[in-house]
């Protein structure tokens, strides 16, 4: 007489796939927050911003933690 073999099946949890989600980078100018591509260089950002906002020609561009960029207008004399 043949004996039955007991088979136990257990499920092993699969590891979660690593996330590649990245935070959206932004350019801050006054009250504006403009999204920028993660691969944009500082030169790319300045070039694009100057096309739309020529008053930023003499502004200081600061890189913020997290990859954001902020434009700060330089104080000057009004004439």
PDB file of N, CA and C in Angstrom:
ATOM      1  N   UNK A   1       0.838  -1.168   0.000  1.00  0.00           N
ATOM      2  CA  UNK A   1       0.000   0.000   0.000  1.00  0.00           C
ATOM      3  C   UNK A   1       0.888   1.238   0.000  1.00  0.00           C
ATOM      4  N   UNK A   2       0.590   2.164  -0.893  1.00  0.00           N
ATOM      5  CA  UNK A   2       1.377   3.379  -1.009  1.00  0.00           C
ATOM      6  C   UNK A   2       0.978   4.357   0.083  1.00  0.00           C
ATOM      7  N   UNK A   3       1.966   5.056   0.569  1.00  0.00           N
ATOM      8  CA  UNK A   3       1.677   6.067   1.591  1.00  0.00           C
ATOM      9  C   UNK A   3       1.551   7.424   0.930  1.00  0.00           C
ATOM     10  N   UNK A   4       0.704   8.199   1.476  1.00  0.00           N
ATOM     11  CA  UNK A   4       0.530   9.549   0.937  1.00  0.00           C
ATOM     12  C   UNK A   4       1.609  10.454   1.513  1.00  0.00           C
ATOM     13  N   UNK A   5       2.145  11.289   0.674  1.00  0.00           N
ATOM     14  CA  UNK A   5       3.143  12.240   1.120  1.00  0.00           C
ATOM     15  C   UNK A   5       2.469  13.581   1.346  1.00  0.00           C
ATOM     16  N   UNK A   6       2.721  14.133   2.477  1.00  0.00           N
ATOM     17  CA  UNK A   6       2.117  15.438   2.791  1.00  0.00           C
ATOM     18  C   UNK A   6       3.008  16.531   2.239  1.00  0.00           C
ATOM     19  N   UNK A   7       2.401  17.411   1.506  1.00  0.00           N
ATOM     20  CA  UNK A   7       3.130  18.542   0.930  1.00  0.00           C
ATOM     21  C   UNK A   7       2.617  19.812   1.593  1.00  0.00           C
ATOM     22  N   UNK A   8       3.525  20.585   2.111  1.00  0.00           N
ATOM     23  CA  UNK A   8       3.156  21.846   2.733  1.00  0.00           C
ATOM     24  C   UNK A   8       3.630  22.975   1.832  1.00  0.00           C
ATOM     25  N   UNK A   9       2.723  23.845   1.517  1.00  0.00           N
ATOM     26  CA  UNK A   9       3.062  25.002   0.677  1.00  0.00           C
ATOM     27  C   UNK A   9       3.026  26.238   1.557  1.00  0.00           C
ATOM     28  N   UNK A  10       4.118  26.952   1.568  1.00  0.00           N
ATOM     29  CA  UNK A  10       4.156  28.219   2.311  1.00  0.00           C
ATOM     30  C   UNK A  10       4.469  29.336   1.340  1.00  0.00           C
ATOM     31  N   UNK A  11       3.834  30.434   1.548  1.00  0.00           N
ATOM     32  CA  UNK A  11       4.085  31.597   0.701  1.00  0.00           C
ATOM     33  C   UNK A  11       5.114  32.478   1.373  1.00  0.00           C
ATOM     34  N   UNK A  12       6.087  32.869   0.596  1.00  0.00           N
ATOM     35  CA  UNK A  12       7.074  33.800   1.124  1.00  0.00           C
ATOM     36  C   UNK A  12       6.753  35.179   0.578  1.00  0.00           C
ATOM     37  N   UNK A  13       6.707  36.162   1.455  1.00  0.00           N
ATOM     38  CA  UNK A  13       6.391  37.507   0.970  1.00  0.00           C
ATOM     39  C   UNK A  13       7.494  38.010   0.046  1.00  0.00           C
ATOM     40  N   UNK A  14       7.073  38.633  -1.035  1.00  0.00           N
ATOM     41  CA  UNK A  14       8.043  39.190  -1.972  1.00  0.00           C
ATOM     42  C   UNK A  14       8.476  40.560  -1.478  1.00  0.00           C
ATOM     43  N   UNK A  15       9.713  40.842  -1.703  1.00  0.00           N
ATOM     44  CA  UNK A  15      10.222  42.155  -1.318  1.00  0.00           C
ATOM     45  C   UNK A  15       9.558  43.220  -2.176  1.00  0.00           C
ATOM     46  N   UNK A  16       9.259  44.335  -1.559  1.00  0.00           N
ATOM     47  CA  UNK A  16       8.647  45.439  -2.295  1.00  0.00           C
ATOM     48  C   UNK A  16       9.645  45.971  -3.311  1.00  0.00           C
ATOM     49  N   UNK A  17       9.131  46.306  -4.472  1.00  0.00           N
ATOM     50  CA  UNK A  17       9.993  46.868  -5.513  1.00  0.00           C
ATOM     51  C   UNK A  17      10.497  48.227  -5.061  1.00  0.00           C
ATOM     52  N   UNK A  18      11.755  48.524  -5.304  1.00  0.00           N
ATOM     53  CA  UNK A  18      12.270  49.835  -4.898  1.00  0.00           C
ATOM     54  C   UNK A  18      11.537  50.943  -5.654  1.00  0.00           C
ATOM     55  N   UNK A  19      11.264  52.004  -4.958  1.00  0.00           N
ATOM     56  CA  UNK A  19      10.564  53.114  -5.591  1.00  0.00           C
ATOM     57  C   UNK A  19      11.573  54.053  -6.223  1.00  0.00           C
ATOM     58  N   UNK A  20      11.214  54.560  -7.378  1.00  0.00           N
ATOM     59  CA  UNK A  20      12.081  55.517  -8.057  1.00  0.00           C
ATOM     60  C   UNK A  20      11.425  56.894  -8.081  1.00  0.00           C
ATOM     61  N   UNK A  21      10.441  57.065  -7.218  1.00  0.00           N
ATOM     62  CA  UNK A  21       9.729  58.329  -7.177  1.00  0.00           C
ATOM     63  C   UNK A  21      10.653  59.421  -6.654  1.00  0.00           C
ATOM     64  N   UNK A  22      10.710  60.512  -7.379  1.00  0.00           N
ATOM     65  CA  UNK A  22      11.517  61.637  -6.945  1.00  0.00           C
ATOM     66  C   UNK A  22      10.621  62.852  -6.745  1.00  0.00           C
ATOM     67  N   UNK A  23      11.043  63.714  -5.876  1.00  0.00           N
ATOM     68  CA  UNK A  23      10.296  64.924  -5.601  1.00  0.00           C
ATOM     69  C   UNK A  23      10.446  65.887  -6.770  1.00  0.00           C
ATOM     70  N   UNK A  24       9.361  66.556  -7.110  1.00  0.00           N
ATOM     71  CA  UNK A  24       9.374  67.536  -8.196  1.00  0.00           C
ATOM     72  C   UNK A  24      10.226  68.735  -7.784  1.00  0.00           C
ATOM     73  N   UNK A  25      11.196  69.093  -8.613  1.00  0.00           N
ATOM     74  CA  UNK A  25      12.005  70.284  -8.359  1.00  0.00           C
ATOM     75  C   UNK A  25      11.213  71.514  -8.775  1.00  0.00           C
ATOM     76  N   UNK A  26      11.454  72.613  -8.072  1.00  0.00           N
ATOM     77  CA  UNK A  26      10.733  73.850  -8.345  1.00  0.00           C
ATOM     78  C   UNK A  26      11.681  75.028  -8.428  1.00  0.00           C
ATOM     79  N   UNK A  27      11.282  76.025  -9.234  1.00  0.00           N
ATOM     80  CA  UNK A  27      11.928  77.328  -9.236  1.00  0.00           C
ATOM     81  C   UNK A  27      11.003  78.254  -8.469  1.00  0.00           C
ATOM     82  N   UNK A  28      11.552  78.937  -7.484  1.00  0.00           N
ATOM     83  CA  UNK A  28      10.790  79.889  -6.682  1.00  0.00           C
ATOM     84  C   UNK A  28      11.174  81.303  -7.128  1.00  0.00           C
ATOM     85  N   UNK A  29      10.160  82.059  -7.508  1.00  0.00           N
ATOM     86  CA  UNK A  29      10.376  83.455  -7.894  1.00  0.00           C
ATOM     87  C   UNK A  29       9.177  84.240  -7.384  1.00  0.00           C
ATOM     88  N   UNK A  30       9.395  85.050  -6.372  1.00  0.00           N
ATOM     89  CA  UNK A  30       8.284  85.751  -5.750  1.00  0.00           C
ATOM     90  C   UNK A  30       7.310  84.729  -5.194  1.00  0.00           C
ATOM     91  N   UNK A  31       6.037  84.838  -5.571  1.00  0.00           N
ATOM     92  CA  UNK A  31       5.013  83.892  -5.131  1.00  0.00           C
ATOM     93  C   UNK A  31       4.869  82.706  -6.082  1.00  0.00           C
ATOM     94  N   UNK A  32       5.653  82.680  -7.148  1.00  0.00           N
ATOM     95  CA  UNK A  32       5.545  81.611  -8.143  1.00  0.00           C
ATOM     96  C   UNK A  32       6.366  80.390  -7.738  1.00  0.00           C
ATOM     97  N   UNK A  33       5.843  79.224  -8.045  1.00  0.00           N
ATOM     98  CA  UNK A  33       6.573  77.965  -7.926  1.00  0.00           C
ATOM     99  C   UNK A  33       6.430  77.253  -9.264  1.00  0.00           C
ATOM    100  N   UNK A  34       7.510  77.209 -10.021  1.00  0.00           N
ATOM    101  CA  UNK A  34       7.483  76.687 -11.382  1.00  0.00           C
ATOM    102  C   UNK A  34       8.215  75.344 -11.405  1.00  0.00           C
ATOM    103  N   UNK A  35       7.547  74.268 -11.850  1.00  0.00           N
ATOM    104  CA  UNK A  35       8.214  72.959 -11.895  1.00  0.00           C
ATOM    105  C   UNK A  35       9.311  72.933 -12.958  1.00  0.00           C
ATOM    106  N   UNK A  36      10.392  72.236 -12.641  1.00  0.00           N
ATOM    107  CA  UNK A  36      11.506  72.091 -13.577  1.00  0.00           C
ATOM    108  C   UNK A  36      11.891  70.609 -13.660  1.00  0.00           C
ATOM    109  N   UNK A  37      12.435  70.200 -14.802  1.00  0.00           N
ATOM    110  CA  UNK A  37      12.852  68.799 -14.942  1.00  0.00           C
ATOM    111  C   UNK A  37      14.007  68.477 -13.994  1.00  0.00           C
ATOM    112  N   UNK A  38      14.094  67.247 -13.528  1.00  0.00           N
ATOM    113  CA  UNK A  38      15.174  66.879 -12.612  1.00  0.00           C
ATOM    114  C   UNK A  38      16.558  66.965 -13.238  1.00  0.00           C
ATOM    115  N   UNK A  39      16.641  66.947 -14.559  1.00  0.00           N
ATOM    116  CA  UNK A  39      17.943  66.976 -15.226  1.00  0.00           C
ATOM    117  C   UNK A  39      18.387  68.386 -15.625  1.00  0.00           C
ATOM    118  N   UNK A  40      17.568  69.397 -15.337  1.00  0.00           N
ATOM    119  CA  UNK A  40      17.901  70.772 -15.741  1.00  0.00           C
ATOM    120  C   UNK A  40      19.115  71.282 -14.966  1.00  0.00           C
ATOM    121  N   UNK A  41      20.055  71.856 -15.700  1.00  0.00           N
ATOM    122  CA  UNK A  41      21.242  72.449 -15.080  1.00  0.00           C
ATOM    123  C   UNK A  41      20.920  73.887 -14.676  1.00  0.00           C
ATOM    124  N   UNK A  42      21.729  74.481 -13.791  1.00  0.00           N
ATOM    125  CA  UNK A  42      21.500  75.883 -13.437  1.00  0.00           C
ATOM    126  C   UNK A  42      21.493  76.803 -14.658  1.00  0.00           C
ATOM    127  N   UNK A  43      22.344  76.527 -15.639  1.00  0.00           N
ATOM    128  CA  UNK A  43      22.388  77.351 -16.854  1.00  0.00           C
ATOM    129  C   UNK A  43      21.077  77.216 -17.639  1.00  0.00           C
ATOM    130  N   UNK A  44      20.552  75.988 -17.725  1.00  0.00           N
ATOM    131  CA  UNK A  44      19.269  75.760 -18.402  1.00  0.00           C
ATOM    132  C   UNK A  44      18.158  76.559 -17.729  1.00  0.00           C
ATOM    133  N   UNK A  45      18.132  76.493 -16.410  1.00  0.00           N
ATOM    134  CA  UNK A  45      17.085  77.181 -15.651  1.00  0.00           C
ATOM    135  C   UNK A  45      17.160  78.681 -15.871  1.00  0.00           C
ATOM    136  N   UNK A  46      18.358  79.259 -15.759  1.00  0.00           N
ATOM    137  CA  UNK A  46      18.514  80.710 -15.943  1.00  0.00           C
ATOM    138  C   UNK A  46      18.084  81.113 -17.356  1.00  0.00           C
ATOM    139  N   UNK A  47      18.494  80.357 -18.362  1.00  0.00           N
ATOM    140  CA  UNK A  47      18.153  80.679 -19.754  1.00  0.00           C
ATOM    141  C   UNK A  47      16.645  80.705 -19.964  1.00  0.00           C
ATOM    142  N   UNK A  48      15.960  79.670 -19.484  1.00  0.00           N
ATOM    143  CA  UNK A  48      14.514  79.592 -19.666  1.00  0.00           C
ATOM    144  C   UNK A  48      13.800  80.692 -18.878  1.00  0.00           C
ATOM    145  N   UNK A  49      14.231  80.925 -17.652  1.00  0.00           N
ATOM    146  CA  UNK A  49      13.583  81.957 -16.832  1.00  0.00           C
ATOM    147  C   UNK A  49      13.773  83.353 -17.428  1.00  0.00           C
ATOM    148  N   UNK A  50      14.939  83.629 -17.994  1.00  0.00           N
ATOM    149  CA  UNK A  50      15.197  84.954 -18.580  1.00  0.00           C
ATOM    150  C   UNK A  50      14.335  85.214 -19.815  1.00  0.00           C
ATOM    151  N   UNK A  51      13.970  84.167 -20.534  1.00  0.00           N
ATOM    152  CA  UNK A  51      13.092  84.355 -21.695  1.00  0.00           C
ATOM    153  C   UNK A  51      11.727  84.895 -21.273  1.00  0.00           C
ATOM    154  N   UNK A  52      11.227  84.395 -20.143  1.00  0.00           N
ATOM    155  CA  UNK A  52       9.903  84.790 -19.674  1.00  0.00           C
ATOM    156  C   UNK A  52       9.961  85.972 -18.721  1.00  0.00           C
ATOM    157  N   UNK A  53      10.990  86.046 -17.920  1.00  0.00           N
ATOM    158  CA  UNK A  53      11.126  87.094 -16.901  1.00  0.00           C
ATOM    159  C   UNK A  53      12.454  87.827 -17.098  1.00  0.00           C
ATOM    160  N   UNK A  54      12.527  88.751 -18.068  1.00  0.00           N
ATOM    161  CA  UNK A  54      13.795  89.440 -18.348  1.00  0.00           C
ATOM    162  C   UNK A  54      14.304  90.264 -17.170  1.00  0.00           C
ATOM    163  N   UNK A  55      13.431  90.585 -16.232  1.00  0.00           N
ATOM    164  CA  UNK A  55      13.862  91.351 -15.059  1.00  0.00           C
ATOM    165  C   UNK A  55      14.806  90.546 -14.161  1.00  0.00           C
ATOM    166  N   UNK A  56      14.950  89.263 -14.427  1.00  0.00           N
ATOM    167  CA  UNK A  56      15.846  88.424 -13.635  1.00  0.00           C
ATOM    168  C   UNK A  56      17.302  88.492 -14.102  1.00  0.00           C
ATOM    169  N   UNK A  57      17.581  89.338 -15.075  1.00  0.00           N
ATOM    170  CA  UNK A  57      18.936  89.441 -15.614  1.00  0.00           C
ATOM    171  C   UNK A  57      19.973  89.666 -14.514  1.00  0.00           C
ATOM    172  N   UNK A  58      19.681  90.519 -13.563  1.00  0.00           N
ATOM    173  CA  UNK A  58      20.637  90.811 -12.493  1.00  0.00           C
ATOM    174  C   UNK A  58      20.279  90.127 -11.177  1.00  0.00           C
ATOM    175  N   UNK A  59      19.334  89.212 -11.199  1.00  0.00           N
ATOM    176  CA  UNK A  59      18.920  88.509  -9.980  1.00  0.00           C
ATOM    177  C   UNK A  59      19.953  87.448  -9.607  1.00  0.00           C
ATOM    178  N   UNK A  60      19.977  87.138  -8.335  1.00  0.00           N
ATOM    179  CA  UNK A  60      20.835  86.065  -7.841  1.00  0.00           C
ATOM    180  C   UNK A  60      20.045  84.771  -7.855  1.00  0.00           C
ATOM    181  N   UNK A  61      20.663  83.729  -8.383  1.00  0.00           N
ATOM    182  CA  UNK A  61      20.027  82.413  -8.417  1.00  0.00           C
ATOM    183  C   UNK A  61      20.655  81.570  -7.320  1.00  0.00           C
ATOM    184  N   UNK A  62      19.828  81.096  -6.382  1.00  0.00           N
ATOM    185  CA  UNK A  62      20.317  80.307  -5.257  1.00  0.00           C
ATOM    186  C   UNK A  62      19.785  78.886  -5.375  1.00  0.00           C
ATOM    187  N   UNK A  63      20.659  77.910  -5.180  1.00  0.00           N
ATOM    188  CA  UNK A  63      20.220  76.515  -5.154  1.00  0.00           C
ATOM    189  C   UNK A  63      19.857  76.171  -3.720  1.00  0.00           C
ATOM    190  N   UNK A  64      18.638  75.661  -3.534  1.00  0.00           N
ATOM    191  CA  UNK A  64      18.126  75.320  -2.217  1.00  0.00           C
ATOM    192  C   UNK A  64      18.283  73.829  -1.955  1.00  0.00           C
ATOM    193  N   UNK A  65      18.235  73.426  -0.685  1.00  0.00           N
ATOM    194  CA  UNK A  65      18.279  71.984  -0.387  1.00  0.00           C
ATOM    195  C   UNK A  65      17.129  71.264  -1.083  1.00  0.00           C
ATOM    196  N   UNK A  66      17.382  70.092  -1.567  1.00  0.00           N
ATOM    197  CA  UNK A  66      16.353  69.315  -2.251  1.00  0.00           C
ATOM    198  C   UNK A  66      16.320  69.550  -3.745  1.00  0.00           C
ATOM    199  N   UNK A  67      17.200  70.424  -4.255  1.00  0.00           N
ATOM    200  CA  UNK A  67      17.269  70.640  -5.695  1.00  0.00           C
ATOM    201  C   UNK A  67      16.458  71.807  -6.220  1.00  0.00           C
ATOM    202  N   UNK A  68      15.706  72.488  -5.350  1.00  0.00           N
ATOM    203  CA  UNK A  68      14.952  73.660  -5.795  1.00  0.00           C
ATOM    204  C   UNK A  68      15.890  74.823  -6.062  1.00  0.00           C
ATOM    205  N   UNK A  69      15.390  75.806  -6.794  1.00  0.00           N
ATOM    206  CA  UNK A  69      16.158  76.998  -7.139  1.00  0.00           C
ATOM    207  C   UNK A  69      15.312  78.214  -6.799  1.00  0.00           C
ATOM    208  N   UNK A  70      15.965  79.261  -6.287  1.00  0.00           N
ATOM    209  CA  UNK A  70      15.247  80.487  -5.946  1.00  0.00           C
ATOM    210  C   UNK A  70      15.951  81.673  -6.585  1.00  0.00           C
ATOM    211  N   UNK A  71      15.159  82.554  -7.200  1.00  0.00           N
ATOM    212  CA  UNK A  71      15.691  83.792  -7.758  1.00  0.00           C
ATOM    213  C   UNK A  71      15.385  84.917  -6.787  1.00  0.00           C
ATOM    214  N   UNK A  72      16.422  85.684  -6.447  1.00  0.00           N
ATOM    215  CA  UNK A  72      16.286  86.815  -5.536  1.00  0.00           C
ATOM    216  C   UNK A  72      16.732  88.057  -6.283  1.00  0.00           C
ATOM    217  N   UNK A  73      15.835  89.034  -6.333  1.00  0.00           N
ATOM    218  CA  UNK A  73      16.154  90.288  -7.022  1.00  0.00           C
ATOM    219  C   UNK A  73      17.175  91.073  -6.211  1.00  0.00           C
ATOM    220  N   UNK A  74      18.137  91.652  -6.917  1.00  0.00           N
ATOM    221  CA  UNK A  74      19.144  92.475  -6.263  1.00  0.00           C
ATOM    222  C   UNK A  74      18.546  93.846  -5.967  1.00  0.00           C
ATOM    223  N   UNK A  75      18.819  94.349  -4.780  1.00  0.00           N
ATOM    224  CA  UNK A  75      18.369  95.694  -4.443  1.00  0.00           C
ATOM    225  C   UNK A  75      19.220  96.694  -5.207  1.00  0.00           C
ATOM    226  N   UNK A  76      18.590  97.721  -5.708  1.00  0.00           N
ATOM    227  CA  UNK A  76      19.343  98.721  -6.456  1.00  0.00           C
ATOM    228  C   UNK A  76      18.685 100.077  -6.325  1.00  0.00           C
ATOM    229  N   UNK A  77      19.313 101.047  -6.935  1.00  0.00           N
ATOM    230  CA  UNK A  77      18.795 102.409  -6.901  1.00  0.00           C
ATOM    231  C   UNK A  77      17.673 102.551  -7.894  1.00  0.00           C
ATOM    232  N   UNK A  78      16.691 103.322  -7.522  1.00  0.00           N
ATOM    233  CA  UNK A  78      15.633 103.655  -8.458  1.00  0.00           C
ATOM    234  C   UNK A  78      15.951 105.030  -8.995  1.00  0.00           C
ATOM    235  N   UNK A  79      15.760 105.179 -10.248  1.00  0.00           N
ATOM    236  CA  UNK A  79      16.207 106.427 -10.788  1.00  0.00           C
ATOM    237  C   UNK A  79      15.178 107.202 -11.440  1.00  0.00           C
TER     238      UNK A  79
END
